[in-house]
PDB file of N, CA and C in Angstrom:
ATOM      1  N   MET A   1      19.976  55.634  65.686  1.00  0.00           N
ATOM      2  CA  MET A   1      21.299  55.068  65.696  1.00  0.00           C
ATOM      3  C   MET A   1      21.197  53.585  66.032  1.00  0.00           C
ATOM      4  N   GLU A   2      21.973  52.809  65.356  1.00  0.00           N
ATOM      5  CA  GLU A   2      21.937  51.377  65.584  1.00  0.00           C
ATOM      6  C   GLU A   2      22.747  51.012  66.820  1.00  0.00           C
ATOM      7  N   THR A   3      22.227  50.039  67.536  1.00  0.00           N
ATOM      8  CA  THR A   3      22.937  49.569  68.721  1.00  0.00           C
ATOM      9  C   THR A   3      23.473  48.178  68.446  1.00  0.00           C
ATOM     10  N   ALA A   4      24.286  47.712  69.365  1.00  0.00           N
ATOM     11  CA  ALA A   4      24.869  46.382  69.204  1.00  0.00           C
ATOM     12  C   ALA A   4      23.808  45.294  69.266  1.00  0.00           C
ATOM     13  N   SER A   5      22.705  45.563  69.949  1.00  0.00           N
ATOM     14  CA  SER A   5      21.654  44.552  70.065  1.00  0.00           C
ATOM     15  C   SER A   5      20.946  44.299  68.735  1.00  0.00           C
ATOM     16  N   SER A   6      21.042  45.230  67.800  1.00  0.00           N
ATOM     17  CA  SER A   6      20.396  45.009  66.497  1.00  0.00           C
ATOM     18  C   SER A   6      21.172  44.009  65.642  1.00  0.00           C
ATOM     19  N   TYR A   7      22.418  43.709  66.018  1.00  0.00           N
ATOM     20  CA  TYR A   7      23.226  42.736  65.283  1.00  0.00           C
ATOM     21  C   TYR A   7      23.126  41.332  65.864  1.00  0.00           C
ATOM     22  N   ILE A   8      22.398  41.162  66.943  1.00  0.00           N
ATOM     23  CA  ILE A   8      22.279  39.845  67.582  1.00  0.00           C
ATOM     24  C   ILE A   8      21.641  38.817  66.646  1.00  0.00           C
ATOM     25  N   PRO A   9      20.565  39.127  65.902  1.00  0.00           N
ATOM     26  CA  PRO A   9      20.016  38.109  64.984  1.00  0.00           C
ATOM     27  C   PRO A   9      21.015  37.637  63.922  1.00  0.00           C
ATOM     28  N   ILE A  10      21.851  38.533  63.441  1.00  0.00           N
ATOM     29  CA  ILE A  10      22.867  38.148  62.454  1.00  0.00           C
ATOM     30  C   ILE A  10      23.899  37.234  63.103  1.00  0.00           C
ATOM     31  N   LEU A  11      24.304  37.559  64.307  1.00  0.00           N
ATOM     32  CA  LEU A  11      25.249  36.717  65.044  1.00  0.00           C
ATOM     33  C   LEU A  11      24.654  35.334  65.288  1.00  0.00           C
ATOM     34  N   ILE A  12      23.377  35.290  65.673  1.00  0.00           N
ATOM     35  CA  ILE A  12      22.717  33.996  65.892  1.00  0.00           C
ATOM     36  C   ILE A  12      22.682  33.195  64.596  1.00  0.00           C
ATOM     37  N   LEU A  13      22.406  33.848  63.483  1.00  0.00           N
ATOM     38  CA  LEU A  13      22.379  33.168  62.187  1.00  0.00           C
ATOM     39  C   LEU A  13      23.739  32.560  61.854  1.00  0.00           C
ATOM     40  N   PHE A  14      24.817  33.309  62.061  1.00  0.00           N
ATOM     41  CA  PHE A  14      26.157  32.794  61.807  1.00  0.00           C
ATOM     42  C   PHE A  14      26.484  31.604  62.716  1.00  0.00           C
ATOM     43  N   VAL A  15      26.107  31.689  63.987  1.00  0.00           N
ATOM     44  CA  VAL A  15      26.379  30.595  64.918  1.00  0.00           C
ATOM     45  C   VAL A  15      25.610  29.344  64.515  1.00  0.00           C
ATOM     46  N   VAL A  16      24.336  29.504  64.152  1.00  0.00           N
ATOM     47  CA  VAL A  16      23.525  28.360  63.733  1.00  0.00           C
ATOM     48  C   VAL A  16      24.092  27.759  62.446  1.00  0.00           C
ATOM     49  N   ALA A  17      24.475  28.597  61.483  1.00  0.00           N
ATOM     50  CA  ALA A  17      25.036  28.091  60.225  1.00  0.00           C
ATOM     51  C   ALA A  17      26.339  27.339  60.480  1.00  0.00           C
ATOM     52  N   PHE A  18      27.218  27.896  61.291  1.00  0.00           N
ATOM     53  CA  PHE A  18      28.479  27.224  61.602  1.00  0.00           C
ATOM     54  C   PHE A  18      28.229  25.910  62.329  1.00  0.00           C
ATOM     55  N   ALA A  19      27.294  25.910  63.290  1.00  0.00           N
ATOM     56  CA  ALA A  19      26.985  24.681  64.030  1.00  0.00           C
ATOM     57  C   ALA A  19      26.409  23.618  63.100  1.00  0.00           C
ATOM     58  N   PHE A  20      25.577  24.027  62.149  1.00  0.00           N
ATOM     59  CA  PHE A  20      25.008  23.063  61.208  1.00  0.00           C
ATOM     60  C   PHE A  20      26.093  22.442  60.335  1.00  0.00           C
ATOM     61  N   VAL A  21      26.976  23.264  59.801  1.00  0.00           N
ATOM     62  CA  VAL A  21      28.048  22.751  58.945  1.00  0.00           C
ATOM     63  C   VAL A  21      28.979  21.840  59.743  1.00  0.00           C
ATOM     64  N   ALA A  22      29.393  22.288  60.919  1.00  0.00           N
ATOM     65  CA  ALA A  22      30.294  21.472  61.751  1.00  0.00           C
ATOM     66  C   ALA A  22      29.612  20.177  62.166  1.00  0.00           C
ATOM     67  N   GLY A  23      28.343  20.249  62.554  1.00  0.00           N
ATOM     68  CA  GLY A  23      27.614  19.049  62.953  1.00  0.00           C
ATOM     69  C   GLY A  23      27.447  18.067  61.806  1.00  0.00           C
ATOM     70  N   THR A  24      27.192  18.564  60.610  1.00  0.00           N
ATOM     71  CA  THR A  24      27.052  17.693  59.445  1.00  0.00           C
ATOM     72  C   THR A  24      28.366  16.996  59.125  1.00  0.00           C
ATOM     73  N   ILE A  25      29.463  17.725  59.181  1.00  0.00           N
ATOM     74  CA  ILE A  25      30.773  17.126  58.905  1.00  0.00           C
ATOM     75  C   ILE A  25      31.100  16.050  59.934  1.00  0.00           C
ATOM     76  N   VAL A  26      30.868  16.341  61.200  1.00  0.00           N
ATOM     77  CA  VAL A  26      31.154  15.361  62.258  1.00  0.00           C
ATOM     78  C   VAL A  26      30.240  14.149  62.119  1.00  0.00           C
ATOM     79  N   ALA A  27      28.959  14.372  61.855  1.00  0.00           N
ATOM     80  CA  ALA A  27      28.011  13.261  61.741  1.00  0.00           C
ATOM     81  C   ALA A  27      28.355  12.349  60.569  1.00  0.00           C
ATOM     82  N   THR A  28      28.717  12.907  59.435  1.00  0.00           N
ATOM     83  CA  THR A  28      29.064  12.053  58.294  1.00  0.00           C
ATOM     84  C   THR A  28      30.355  11.297  58.558  1.00  0.00           C
ATOM     85  N   HIS A  29      31.259  11.888  59.285  1.00  0.00           N
ATOM     86  CA  HIS A  29      32.506  11.201  59.611  1.00  0.00           C
ATOM     87  C   HIS A  29      32.253  10.032  60.571  1.00  0.00           C
ATOM     88  N   LEU A  30      31.379  10.248  61.536  1.00  0.00           N
ATOM     89  CA  LEU A  30      31.107   9.206  62.533  1.00  0.00           C
ATOM     90  C   LEU A  30      30.144   8.131  62.026  1.00  0.00           C
ATOM     91  N   LEU A  31      29.146   8.523  61.242  1.00  0.00           N
ATOM     92  CA  LEU A  31      28.110   7.588  60.823  1.00  0.00           C
ATOM     93  C   LEU A  31      28.381   6.927  59.477  1.00  0.00           C
ATOM     94  N   GLY A  32      29.228   7.508  58.681  1.00  0.00           N
ATOM     95  CA  GLY A  32      29.478   6.983  57.342  1.00  0.00           C
ATOM     96  C   GLY A  32      30.358   5.747  57.371  1.00  0.00           C
ATOM     97  N   PRO A  33      30.298   4.951  56.303  1.00  0.00           N
ATOM     98  CA  PRO A  33      31.152   3.766  56.239  1.00  0.00           C
ATOM     99  C   PRO A  33      32.616   4.173  56.134  1.00  0.00           C
ATOM    100  N   SER A  34      33.480   3.355  56.727  1.00  0.00           N
ATOM    101  CA  SER A  34      34.894   3.722  56.744  1.00  0.00           C
ATOM    102  C   SER A  34      35.799   2.648  56.157  1.00  0.00           C
ATOM    103  N   ARG A  35      35.227   1.652  55.466  1.00  0.00           N
ATOM    104  CA  ARG A  35      36.063   0.632  54.839  1.00  0.00           C
ATOM    105  C   ARG A  35      36.645   1.196  53.552  1.00  0.00           C
ATOM    106  N   LYS A  36      37.936   1.168  53.444  1.00  0.00           N
ATOM    107  CA  LYS A  36      38.589   1.676  52.233  1.00  0.00           C
ATOM    108  C   LYS A  36      39.030   0.483  51.401  1.00  0.00           C
ATOM    109  N   THR A  37      38.508   0.420  50.191  1.00  0.00           N
ATOM    110  CA  THR A  37      38.905  -0.638  49.272  1.00  0.00           C
ATOM    111  C   THR A  37      39.530   0.001  48.047  1.00  0.00           C
ATOM    112  N   ASP A  38      40.201  -0.798  47.244  1.00  0.00           N
ATOM    113  CA  ASP A  38      40.818  -0.265  46.030  1.00  0.00           C
ATOM    114  C   ASP A  38      39.767   0.335  45.104  1.00  0.00           C
ATOM    115  N   GLU A  39      38.608  -0.289  45.070  1.00  0.00           N
ATOM    116  CA  GLU A  39      37.557   0.208  44.188  1.00  0.00           C
ATOM    117  C   GLU A  39      37.026   1.552  44.654  1.00  0.00           C
ATOM    118  N   LYS A  40      36.905   1.746  45.954  1.00  0.00           N
ATOM    119  CA  LYS A  40      36.430   3.021  46.480  1.00  0.00           C
ATOM    120  C   LYS A  40      37.472   4.131  46.325  1.00  0.00           C
ATOM    121  N   LEU A  41      38.733   3.784  46.368  1.00  0.00           N
ATOM    122  CA  LEU A  41      39.786   4.784  46.284  1.00  0.00           C
ATOM    123  C   LEU A  41      40.124   5.185  44.853  1.00  0.00           C
ATOM    124  N   GLU A  42      39.523   4.505  43.864  1.00  0.00           N
ATOM    125  CA  GLU A  42      39.777   4.844  42.471  1.00  0.00           C
ATOM    126  C   GLU A  42      39.101   6.157  42.114  1.00  0.00           C
ATOM    127  N   ASN A  43      39.747   6.925  41.238  1.00  0.00           N
ATOM    128  CA  ASN A  43      39.127   8.159  40.759  1.00  0.00           C
ATOM    129  C   ASN A  43      37.892   7.820  39.938  1.00  0.00           C
ATOM    130  N   PHE A  44      36.851   8.625  40.097  1.00  0.00           N
ATOM    131  CA  PHE A  44      35.591   8.375  39.412  1.00  0.00           C
ATOM    132  C   PHE A  44      34.973   9.707  39.049  1.00  0.00           C
ATOM    133  N   GLU A  45      34.536   9.819  37.806  1.00  0.00           N
ATOM    134  CA  GLU A  45      33.903  11.063  37.405  1.00  0.00           C
ATOM    135  C   GLU A  45      32.834  10.779  36.363  1.00  0.00           C
ATOM    136  N   SER A  46      31.620  11.112  36.667  1.00  0.00           N
ATOM    137  CA  SER A  46      30.483  11.038  35.742  1.00  0.00           C
ATOM    138  C   SER A  46      30.264   9.638  35.188  1.00  0.00           C
ATOM    139  N   GLY A  47      30.629   8.616  35.898  1.00  0.00           N
ATOM    140  CA  GLY A  47      30.392   7.260  35.442  1.00  0.00           C
ATOM    141  C   GLY A  47      31.298   6.799  34.328  1.00  0.00           C
ATOM    142  N   ILE A  48      32.323   7.569  34.028  1.00  0.00           N
ATOM    143  CA  ILE A  48      33.233   7.235  32.940  1.00  0.00           C
ATOM    144  C   ILE A  48      34.509   6.666  33.536  1.00  0.00           C
ATOM    145  N   GLU A  49      34.910   5.517  33.030  1.00  0.00           N
ATOM    146  CA  GLU A  49      36.162   4.924  33.496  1.00  0.00           C
ATOM    147  C   GLU A  49      37.326   5.810  33.066  1.00  0.00           C
ATOM    148  N   LYS A  50      38.346   5.870  33.906  1.00  0.00           N
ATOM    149  CA  LYS A  50      39.498   6.701  33.560  1.00  0.00           C
ATOM    150  C   LYS A  50      40.311   6.036  32.449  1.00  0.00           C
ATOM    151  N   VAL A  51      40.795   6.886  31.556  1.00  0.00           N
ATOM    152  CA  VAL A  51      41.608   6.413  30.438  1.00  0.00           C
ATOM    153  C   VAL A  51      42.801   7.347  30.323  1.00  0.00           C
ATOM    154  N   GLY A  52      43.974   6.823  30.386  1.00  0.00           N
ATOM    155  CA  GLY A  52      45.171   7.644  30.203  1.00  0.00           C
ATOM    156  C   GLY A  52      45.544   8.412  31.448  1.00  0.00           C
ATOM    157  N   ASN A  53      46.418   9.370  31.252  1.00  0.00           N
ATOM    158  CA  ASN A  53      46.960  10.170  32.341  1.00  0.00           C
ATOM    159  C   ASN A  53      46.137  11.449  32.493  1.00  0.00           C
ATOM    160  N   ALA A  54      45.790  11.796  33.716  1.00  0.00           N
ATOM    161  CA  ALA A  54      45.032  13.016  33.972  1.00  0.00           C
ATOM    162  C   ALA A  54      45.902  14.260  33.832  1.00  0.00           C
ATOM    163  N   ARG A  55      47.195  14.089  33.751  1.00  0.00           N
ATOM    164  CA  ARG A  55      48.122  15.215  33.690  1.00  0.00           C
ATOM    165  C   ARG A  55      48.502  15.606  32.272  1.00  0.00           C
ATOM    166  N   GLN A  56      47.828  15.069  31.262  1.00  0.00           N
ATOM    167  CA  GLN A  56      48.191  15.433  29.893  1.00  0.00           C
ATOM    168  C   GLN A  56      47.795  16.888  29.643  1.00  0.00           C
ATOM    169  N   PRO A  57      48.609  17.625  28.929  1.00  0.00           N
ATOM    170  CA  PRO A  57      48.353  19.056  28.751  1.00  0.00           C
ATOM    171  C   PRO A  57      47.197  19.327  27.788  1.00  0.00           C
ATOM    172  N   PHE A  58      46.511  20.436  28.041  1.00  0.00           N
ATOM    173  CA  PHE A  58      45.473  20.919  27.142  1.00  0.00           C
ATOM    174  C   PHE A  58      46.115  21.830  26.113  1.00  0.00           C
ATOM    175  N   ALA A  59      45.473  21.928  24.962  1.00  0.00           N
ATOM    176  CA  ALA A  59      45.956  22.872  23.953  1.00  0.00           C
ATOM    177  C   ALA A  59      45.708  24.298  24.445  1.00  0.00           C
ATOM    178  N   ILE A  60      46.594  25.195  24.110  1.00  0.00           N
ATOM    179  CA  ILE A  60      46.470  26.584  24.534  1.00  0.00           C
ATOM    180  C   ILE A  60      45.230  27.237  23.938  1.00  0.00           C
ATOM    181  N   LYS A  61      44.751  26.731  22.806  1.00  0.00           N
ATOM    182  CA  LYS A  61      43.533  27.267  22.182  1.00  0.00           C
ATOM    183  C   LYS A  61      42.344  27.146  23.126  1.00  0.00           C
ATOM    184  N   TYR A  62      42.303  26.061  23.886  1.00  0.00           N
ATOM    185  CA  TYR A  62      41.200  25.865  24.833  1.00  0.00           C
ATOM    186  C   TYR A  62      41.158  27.024  25.831  1.00  0.00           C
ATOM    187  N   PHE A  63      42.293  27.362  26.406  1.00  0.00           N
ATOM    188  CA  PHE A  63      42.346  28.433  27.399  1.00  0.00           C
ATOM    189  C   PHE A  63      42.094  29.786  26.756  1.00  0.00           C
ATOM    190  N   LEU A  64      42.580  29.988  25.559  1.00  0.00           N
ATOM    191  CA  LEU A  64      42.364  31.254  24.866  1.00  0.00           C
ATOM    192  C   LEU A  64      40.884  31.481  24.595  1.00  0.00           C
ATOM    193  N   VAL A  65      40.191  30.462  24.121  1.00  0.00           N
ATOM    194  CA  VAL A  65      38.755  30.596  23.868  1.00  0.00           C
ATOM    195  C   VAL A  65      38.003  30.817  25.178  1.00  0.00           C
ATOM    196  N   ALA A  66      38.416  30.151  26.240  1.00  0.00           N
ATOM    197  CA  ALA A  66      37.762  30.337  27.543  1.00  0.00           C
ATOM    198  C   ALA A  66      37.936  31.773  28.029  1.00  0.00           C
ATOM    199  N   ILE A  67      39.127  32.315  27.911  1.00  0.00           N
ATOM    200  CA  ILE A  67      39.374  33.690  28.345  1.00  0.00           C
ATOM    201  C   ILE A  67      38.593  34.674  27.486  1.00  0.00           C
ATOM    202  N   LEU A  68      38.561  34.452  26.181  1.00  0.00           N
ATOM    203  CA  LEU A  68      37.803  35.345  25.299  1.00  0.00           C
ATOM    204  C   LEU A  68      36.314  35.274  25.612  1.00  0.00           C
ATOM    205  N   PHE A  69      35.815  34.085  25.924  1.00  0.00           N
ATOM    206  CA  PHE A  69      34.412  33.963  26.293  1.00  0.00           C
ATOM    207  C   PHE A  69      34.116  34.799  27.531  1.00  0.00           C
ATOM    208  N   VAL A  70      34.971  34.707  28.535  1.00  0.00           N
ATOM    209  CA  VAL A  70      34.752  35.469  29.759  1.00  0.00           C
ATOM    210  C   VAL A  70      34.799  36.964  29.460  1.00  0.00           C
ATOM    211  N   LEU A  71      35.762  37.396  28.663  1.00  0.00           N
ATOM    212  CA  LEU A  71      35.863  38.820  28.338  1.00  0.00           C
ATOM    213  C   LEU A  71      34.622  39.328  27.620  1.00  0.00           C
ATOM    214  N   PHE A  72      34.185  38.622  26.597  1.00  0.00           N
ATOM    215  CA  PHE A  72      33.012  39.063  25.854  1.00  0.00           C
ATOM    216  C   PHE A  72      31.751  38.948  26.705  1.00  0.00           C
ATOM    217  N   ASP A  73      31.686  37.957  27.571  1.00  0.00           N
ATOM    218  CA  ASP A  73      30.529  37.796  28.436  1.00  0.00           C
ATOM    219  C   ASP A  73      30.443  38.947  29.432  1.00  0.00           C
ATOM    220  N   VAL A  74      31.569  39.354  29.985  1.00  0.00           N
ATOM    221  CA  VAL A  74      31.580  40.478  30.918  1.00  0.00           C
ATOM    222  C   VAL A  74      31.191  41.762  30.200  1.00  0.00           C
ATOM    223  N   GLU A  75      31.599  41.914  28.963  1.00  0.00           N
ATOM    224  CA  GLU A  75      31.224  43.102  28.209  1.00  0.00           C
ATOM    225  C   GLU A  75      29.708  43.187  28.047  1.00  0.00           C
ATOM    226  N   VAL A  76      29.059  42.065  27.840  1.00  0.00           N
ATOM    227  CA  VAL A  76      27.610  42.055  27.650  1.00  0.00           C
ATOM    228  C   VAL A  76      26.894  42.471  28.933  1.00  0.00           C
ATOM    229  N   ILE A  77      27.491  42.232  30.085  1.00  0.00           N
ATOM    230  CA  ILE A  77      26.877  42.624  31.355  1.00  0.00           C
ATOM    231  C   ILE A  77      26.662  44.134  31.408  1.00  0.00           C
ATOM    232  N   PHE A  78      27.515  44.891  30.745  1.00  0.00           N
ATOM    233  CA  PHE A  78      27.390  46.342  30.783  1.00  0.00           C
ATOM    234  C   PHE A  78      26.194  46.852  30.003  1.00  0.00           C
ATOM    235  N   PHE A  79      25.515  46.007  29.256  1.00  0.00           N
ATOM    236  CA  PHE A  79      24.304  46.427  28.550  1.00  0.00           C
ATOM    237  C   PHE A  79      23.117  46.546  29.494  1.00  0.00           C
ATOM    238  N   TYR A  80      23.129  45.865  30.618  1.00  0.00           N
ATOM    239  CA  TYR A  80      21.978  45.898  31.522  1.00  0.00           C
ATOM    240  C   TYR A  80      21.697  47.291  32.074  1.00  0.00           C
ATOM    241  N   PRO A  81      22.676  48.021  32.600  1.00  0.00           N
ATOM    242  CA  PRO A  81      22.359  49.362  33.103  1.00  0.00           C
ATOM    243  C   PRO A  81      21.789  50.276  32.017  1.00  0.00           C
ATOM    244  N   TYR A  82      22.273  50.117  30.804  1.00  0.00           N
ATOM    245  CA  TYR A  82      21.721  50.923  29.724  1.00  0.00           C
ATOM    246  C   TYR A  82      20.269  50.540  29.462  1.00  0.00           C
ATOM    247  N   ALA A  83      19.990  49.242  29.442  1.00  0.00           N
ATOM    248  CA  ALA A  83      18.619  48.795  29.181  1.00  0.00           C
ATOM    249  C   ALA A  83      17.673  49.246  30.287  1.00  0.00           C
ATOM    250  N   ALA A  84      18.163  49.309  31.512  1.00  0.00           N
ATOM    251  CA  ALA A  84      17.312  49.714  32.628  1.00  0.00           C
ATOM    252  C   ALA A  84      17.054  51.217  32.637  1.00  0.00           C
ATOM    253  N   ASN A  85      17.963  52.002  32.085  1.00  0.00           N
ATOM    254  CA  ASN A  85      17.850  53.471  32.157  1.00  0.00           C
ATOM    255  C   ASN A  85      17.884  54.154  30.802  1.00  0.00           C
ATOM    256  N   PHE A  86      17.523  53.465  29.745  1.00  0.00           N
ATOM    257  CA  PHE A  86      17.733  54.054  28.429  1.00  0.00           C
ATOM    258  C   PHE A  86      16.878  55.296  28.195  1.00  0.00           C
ATOM    259  N   LYS A  87      15.709  55.417  28.809  1.00  0.00           N
ATOM    260  CA  LYS A  87      14.877  56.605  28.610  1.00  0.00           C
ATOM    261  C   LYS A  87      15.507  57.843  29.249  1.00  0.00           C
ATOM    262  N   GLU A  88      16.079  57.667  30.437  1.00  0.00           N
ATOM    263  CA  GLU A  88      16.677  58.807  31.142  1.00  0.00           C
ATOM    264  C   GLU A  88      18.011  59.243  30.530  1.00  0.00           C
ATOM    265  N   LEU A  89      18.695  58.344  29.838  1.00  0.00           N
ATOM    266  CA  LEU A  89      20.019  58.661  29.301  1.00  0.00           C
ATOM    267  C   LEU A  89      19.956  59.536  28.055  1.00  0.00           C
ATOM    268  N   GLY A  90      18.888  59.433  27.300  1.00  0.00           N
ATOM    269  CA  GLY A  90      18.718  60.277  26.123  1.00  0.00           C
ATOM    270  C   GLY A  90      19.712  59.941  25.015  1.00  0.00           C
ATOM    271  N   TRP A  91      19.956  60.944  24.177  1.00  0.00           N
ATOM    272  CA  TRP A  91      20.843  60.741  23.021  1.00  0.00           C
ATOM    273  C   TRP A  91      22.298  60.576  23.428  1.00  0.00           C
ATOM    274  N   GLU A  92      22.692  61.215  24.525  1.00  0.00           N
ATOM    275  CA  GLU A  92      24.074  61.045  24.987  1.00  0.00           C
ATOM    276  C   GLU A  92      24.325  59.606  25.414  1.00  0.00           C
ATOM    277  N   GLY A  93      23.380  59.019  26.094  1.00  0.00           N
ATOM    278  CA  GLY A  93      23.498  57.621  26.488  1.00  0.00           C
ATOM    279  C   GLY A  93      23.494  56.700  25.282  1.00  0.00           C
ATOM    280  N   PHE A  94      22.664  57.034  24.302  1.00  0.00           N
ATOM    281  CA  PHE A  94      22.623  56.234  23.079  1.00  0.00           C
ATOM    282  C   PHE A  94      23.961  56.295  22.354  1.00  0.00           C
ATOM    283  N   ALA A  95      24.549  57.491  22.285  1.00  0.00           N
ATOM    284  CA  ALA A  95      25.849  57.647  21.625  1.00  0.00           C
ATOM    285  C   ALA A  95      26.935  56.860  22.377  1.00  0.00           C
ATOM    286  N   ALA A  96      26.856  56.867  23.702  1.00  0.00           N
ATOM    287  CA  ALA A  96      27.838  56.114  24.491  1.00  0.00           C
ATOM    288  C   ALA A  96      27.710  54.614  24.229  1.00  0.00           C
ATOM    289  N   VAL A  97      26.481  54.114  24.136  1.00  0.00           N
ATOM    290  CA  VAL A  97      26.280  52.691  23.892  1.00  0.00           C
ATOM    291  C   VAL A  97      26.696  52.328  22.474  1.00  0.00           C
ATOM    292  N   VAL A  98      26.432  53.202  21.502  1.00  0.00           N
ATOM    293  CA  VAL A  98      26.865  52.934  20.129  1.00  0.00           C
ATOM    294  C   VAL A  98      28.392  52.888  20.066  1.00  0.00           C
ATOM    295  N   THR A  99      29.058  53.780  20.785  1.00  0.00           N
ATOM    296  CA  THR A  99      30.517  53.760  20.847  1.00  0.00           C
ATOM    297  C   THR A  99      31.005  52.468  21.495  1.00  0.00           C
ATOM    298  N   PHE A 100      30.356  52.078  22.576  1.00  0.00           N
ATOM    299  CA  PHE A 100      30.720  50.842  23.270  1.00  0.00           C
ATOM    300  C   PHE A 100      30.549  49.638  22.351  1.00  0.00           C
ATOM    301  N   VAL A 101      29.420  49.552  21.667  1.00  0.00           N
ATOM    302  CA  VAL A 101      29.172  48.438  20.756  1.00  0.00           C
ATOM    303  C   VAL A 101      30.171  48.467  19.603  1.00  0.00           C
ATOM    304  N   GLY A 102      30.501  49.661  19.124  1.00  0.00           N
ATOM    305  CA  GLY A 102      31.497  49.769  18.054  1.00  0.00           C
ATOM    306  C   GLY A 102      32.852  49.236  18.492  1.00  0.00           C
ATOM    307  N   LEU A 103      33.291  49.616  19.674  1.00  0.00           N
ATOM    308  CA  LEU A 103      34.557  49.097  20.196  1.00  0.00           C
ATOM    309  C   LEU A 103      34.489  47.598  20.422  1.00  0.00           C
ATOM    310  N   PHE A 104      33.362  47.145  20.899  1.00  0.00           N
ATOM    311  CA  PHE A 104      33.128  45.714  21.102  1.00  0.00           C
ATOM    312  C   PHE A 104      33.247  44.972  19.771  1.00  0.00           C
ATOM    313  N   PHE A 105      32.673  45.527  18.717  1.00  0.00           N
ATOM    314  CA  PHE A 105      32.725  44.903  17.394  1.00  0.00           C
ATOM    315  C   PHE A 105      34.151  44.929  16.833  1.00  0.00           C
ATOM    316  N   VAL A 106      34.881  46.020  17.045  1.00  0.00           N
ATOM    317  CA  VAL A 106      36.271  46.100  16.595  1.00  0.00           C
ATOM    318  C   VAL A 106      37.114  45.043  17.313  1.00  0.00           C
ATOM    319  N   MET A 107      36.891  44.848  18.606  1.00  0.00           N
ATOM    320  CA  MET A 107      37.621  43.803  19.345  1.00  0.00           C
ATOM    321  C   MET A 107      37.306  42.424  18.770  1.00  0.00           C
ATOM    322  N   TYR A 108      36.033  42.201  18.446  1.00  0.00           N
ATOM    323  CA  TYR A 108      35.635  40.918  17.874  1.00  0.00           C
ATOM    324  C   TYR A 108      36.318  40.698  16.526  1.00  0.00           C
ATOM    325  N   LEU A 109      36.347  41.716  15.680  1.00  0.00           N
ATOM    326  CA  LEU A 109      37.009  41.586  14.375  1.00  0.00           C
ATOM    327  C   LEU A 109      38.503  41.312  14.543  1.00  0.00           C
ATOM    328  N   TYR A 110      39.126  41.963  15.515  1.00  0.00           N
ATOM    329  CA  TYR A 110      40.546  41.744  15.775  1.00  0.00           C
ATOM    330  C   TYR A 110      40.804  40.290  16.184  1.00  0.00           C
ATOM    331  N   VAL A 111      39.969  39.775  17.073  1.00  0.00           N
ATOM    332  CA  VAL A 111      40.126  38.392  17.531  1.00  0.00           C
ATOM    333  C   VAL A 111      39.923  37.426  16.370  1.00  0.00           C
ATOM    334  N   ARG A 112      38.934  37.705  15.523  1.00  0.00           N
ATOM    335  CA  ARG A 112      38.694  36.840  14.359  1.00  0.00           C
ATOM    336  C   ARG A 112      39.872  36.898  13.384  1.00  0.00           C
ATOM    337  N   LYS A 113      40.410  38.089  13.165  1.00  0.00           N
ATOM    338  CA  LYS A 113      41.525  38.243  12.222  1.00  0.00           C
ATOM    339  C   LYS A 113      42.769  37.507  12.718  1.00  0.00           C
ATOM    340  N   LYS A 114      43.001  37.523  14.026  1.00  0.00           N
ATOM    341  CA  LYS A 114      44.143  36.825  14.597  1.00  0.00           C
ATOM    342  C   LYS A 114      43.948  35.311  14.589  1.00  0.00           C
ATOM    343  N   GLY A 115      42.716  34.844  14.316  1.00  0.00           N
ATOM    344  CA  GLY A 115      42.449  33.410  14.261  1.00  0.00           C
ATOM    345  C   GLY A 115      42.302  32.766  15.627  1.00  0.00           C
ATOM    346  N   ALA A 116      42.001  33.572  16.651  1.00  0.00           N
ATOM    347  CA  ALA A 116      41.902  33.032  18.001  1.00  0.00           C
ATOM    348  C   ALA A 116      40.691  32.125  18.175  1.00  0.00           C
ATOM    349  N   LEU A 117      39.686  32.276  17.345  1.00  0.00           N
ATOM    350  CA  LEU A 117      38.486  31.467  17.479  1.00  0.00           C
ATOM    351  C   LEU A 117      38.471  30.279  16.527  1.00  0.00           C
ATOM    352  N   ASN A 118      39.515  30.095  15.745  1.00  0.00           N
ATOM    353  CA  ASN A 118      39.582  28.959  14.819  1.00  0.00           C
ATOM    354  C   ASN A 118      40.229  27.772  15.512  1.00  0.00           C
ATOM    355  N   TRP A 119      39.574  26.621  15.411  1.00  0.00           N
ATOM    356  CA  TRP A 119      40.124  25.399  15.987  1.00  0.00           C
ATOM    357  C   TRP A 119      40.939  24.684  14.922  1.00  0.00           C
ATOM    358  N   GLU A 120      42.173  24.394  15.247  1.00  0.00           N
ATOM    359  CA  GLU A 120      43.021  23.645  14.329  1.00  0.00           C
ATOM    360  C   GLU A 120      43.105  22.216  14.814  1.00  0.00           C
ATOM    361  N   LYS A 121      42.933  21.279  13.905  1.00  0.00           N
ATOM    362  CA  LYS A 121      42.992  19.869  14.293  1.00  0.00           C
ATOM    363  C   LYS A 121      44.291  19.251  13.875  1.00  0.00           C
TER     364      LYS A 121
END
């Protein structure tokens, strides 16, 4: 049976991690430069000067393709358990994976037919 003393190393790890993070934040605040100039306060990203308004809307196609990518990517994750256990699953497992791939392909055809993956300019 586990006792409370077996959790002491985990508690020590959490305390050390918290102390390191807190100490780093305090040290950078105290030791870092604190002069604020207009140039330092400007938005900066990847060395590219800002152009236009950051609040301009994105096309809905961008979000649709992103969501479809995530959905199809998550579906592919389900192939790993089959690949790891395909010998033990036998023909029933093979039939299940063929059904899964078939449904996956039907979903892909549906998305293509709806034109969700076509970019309109």
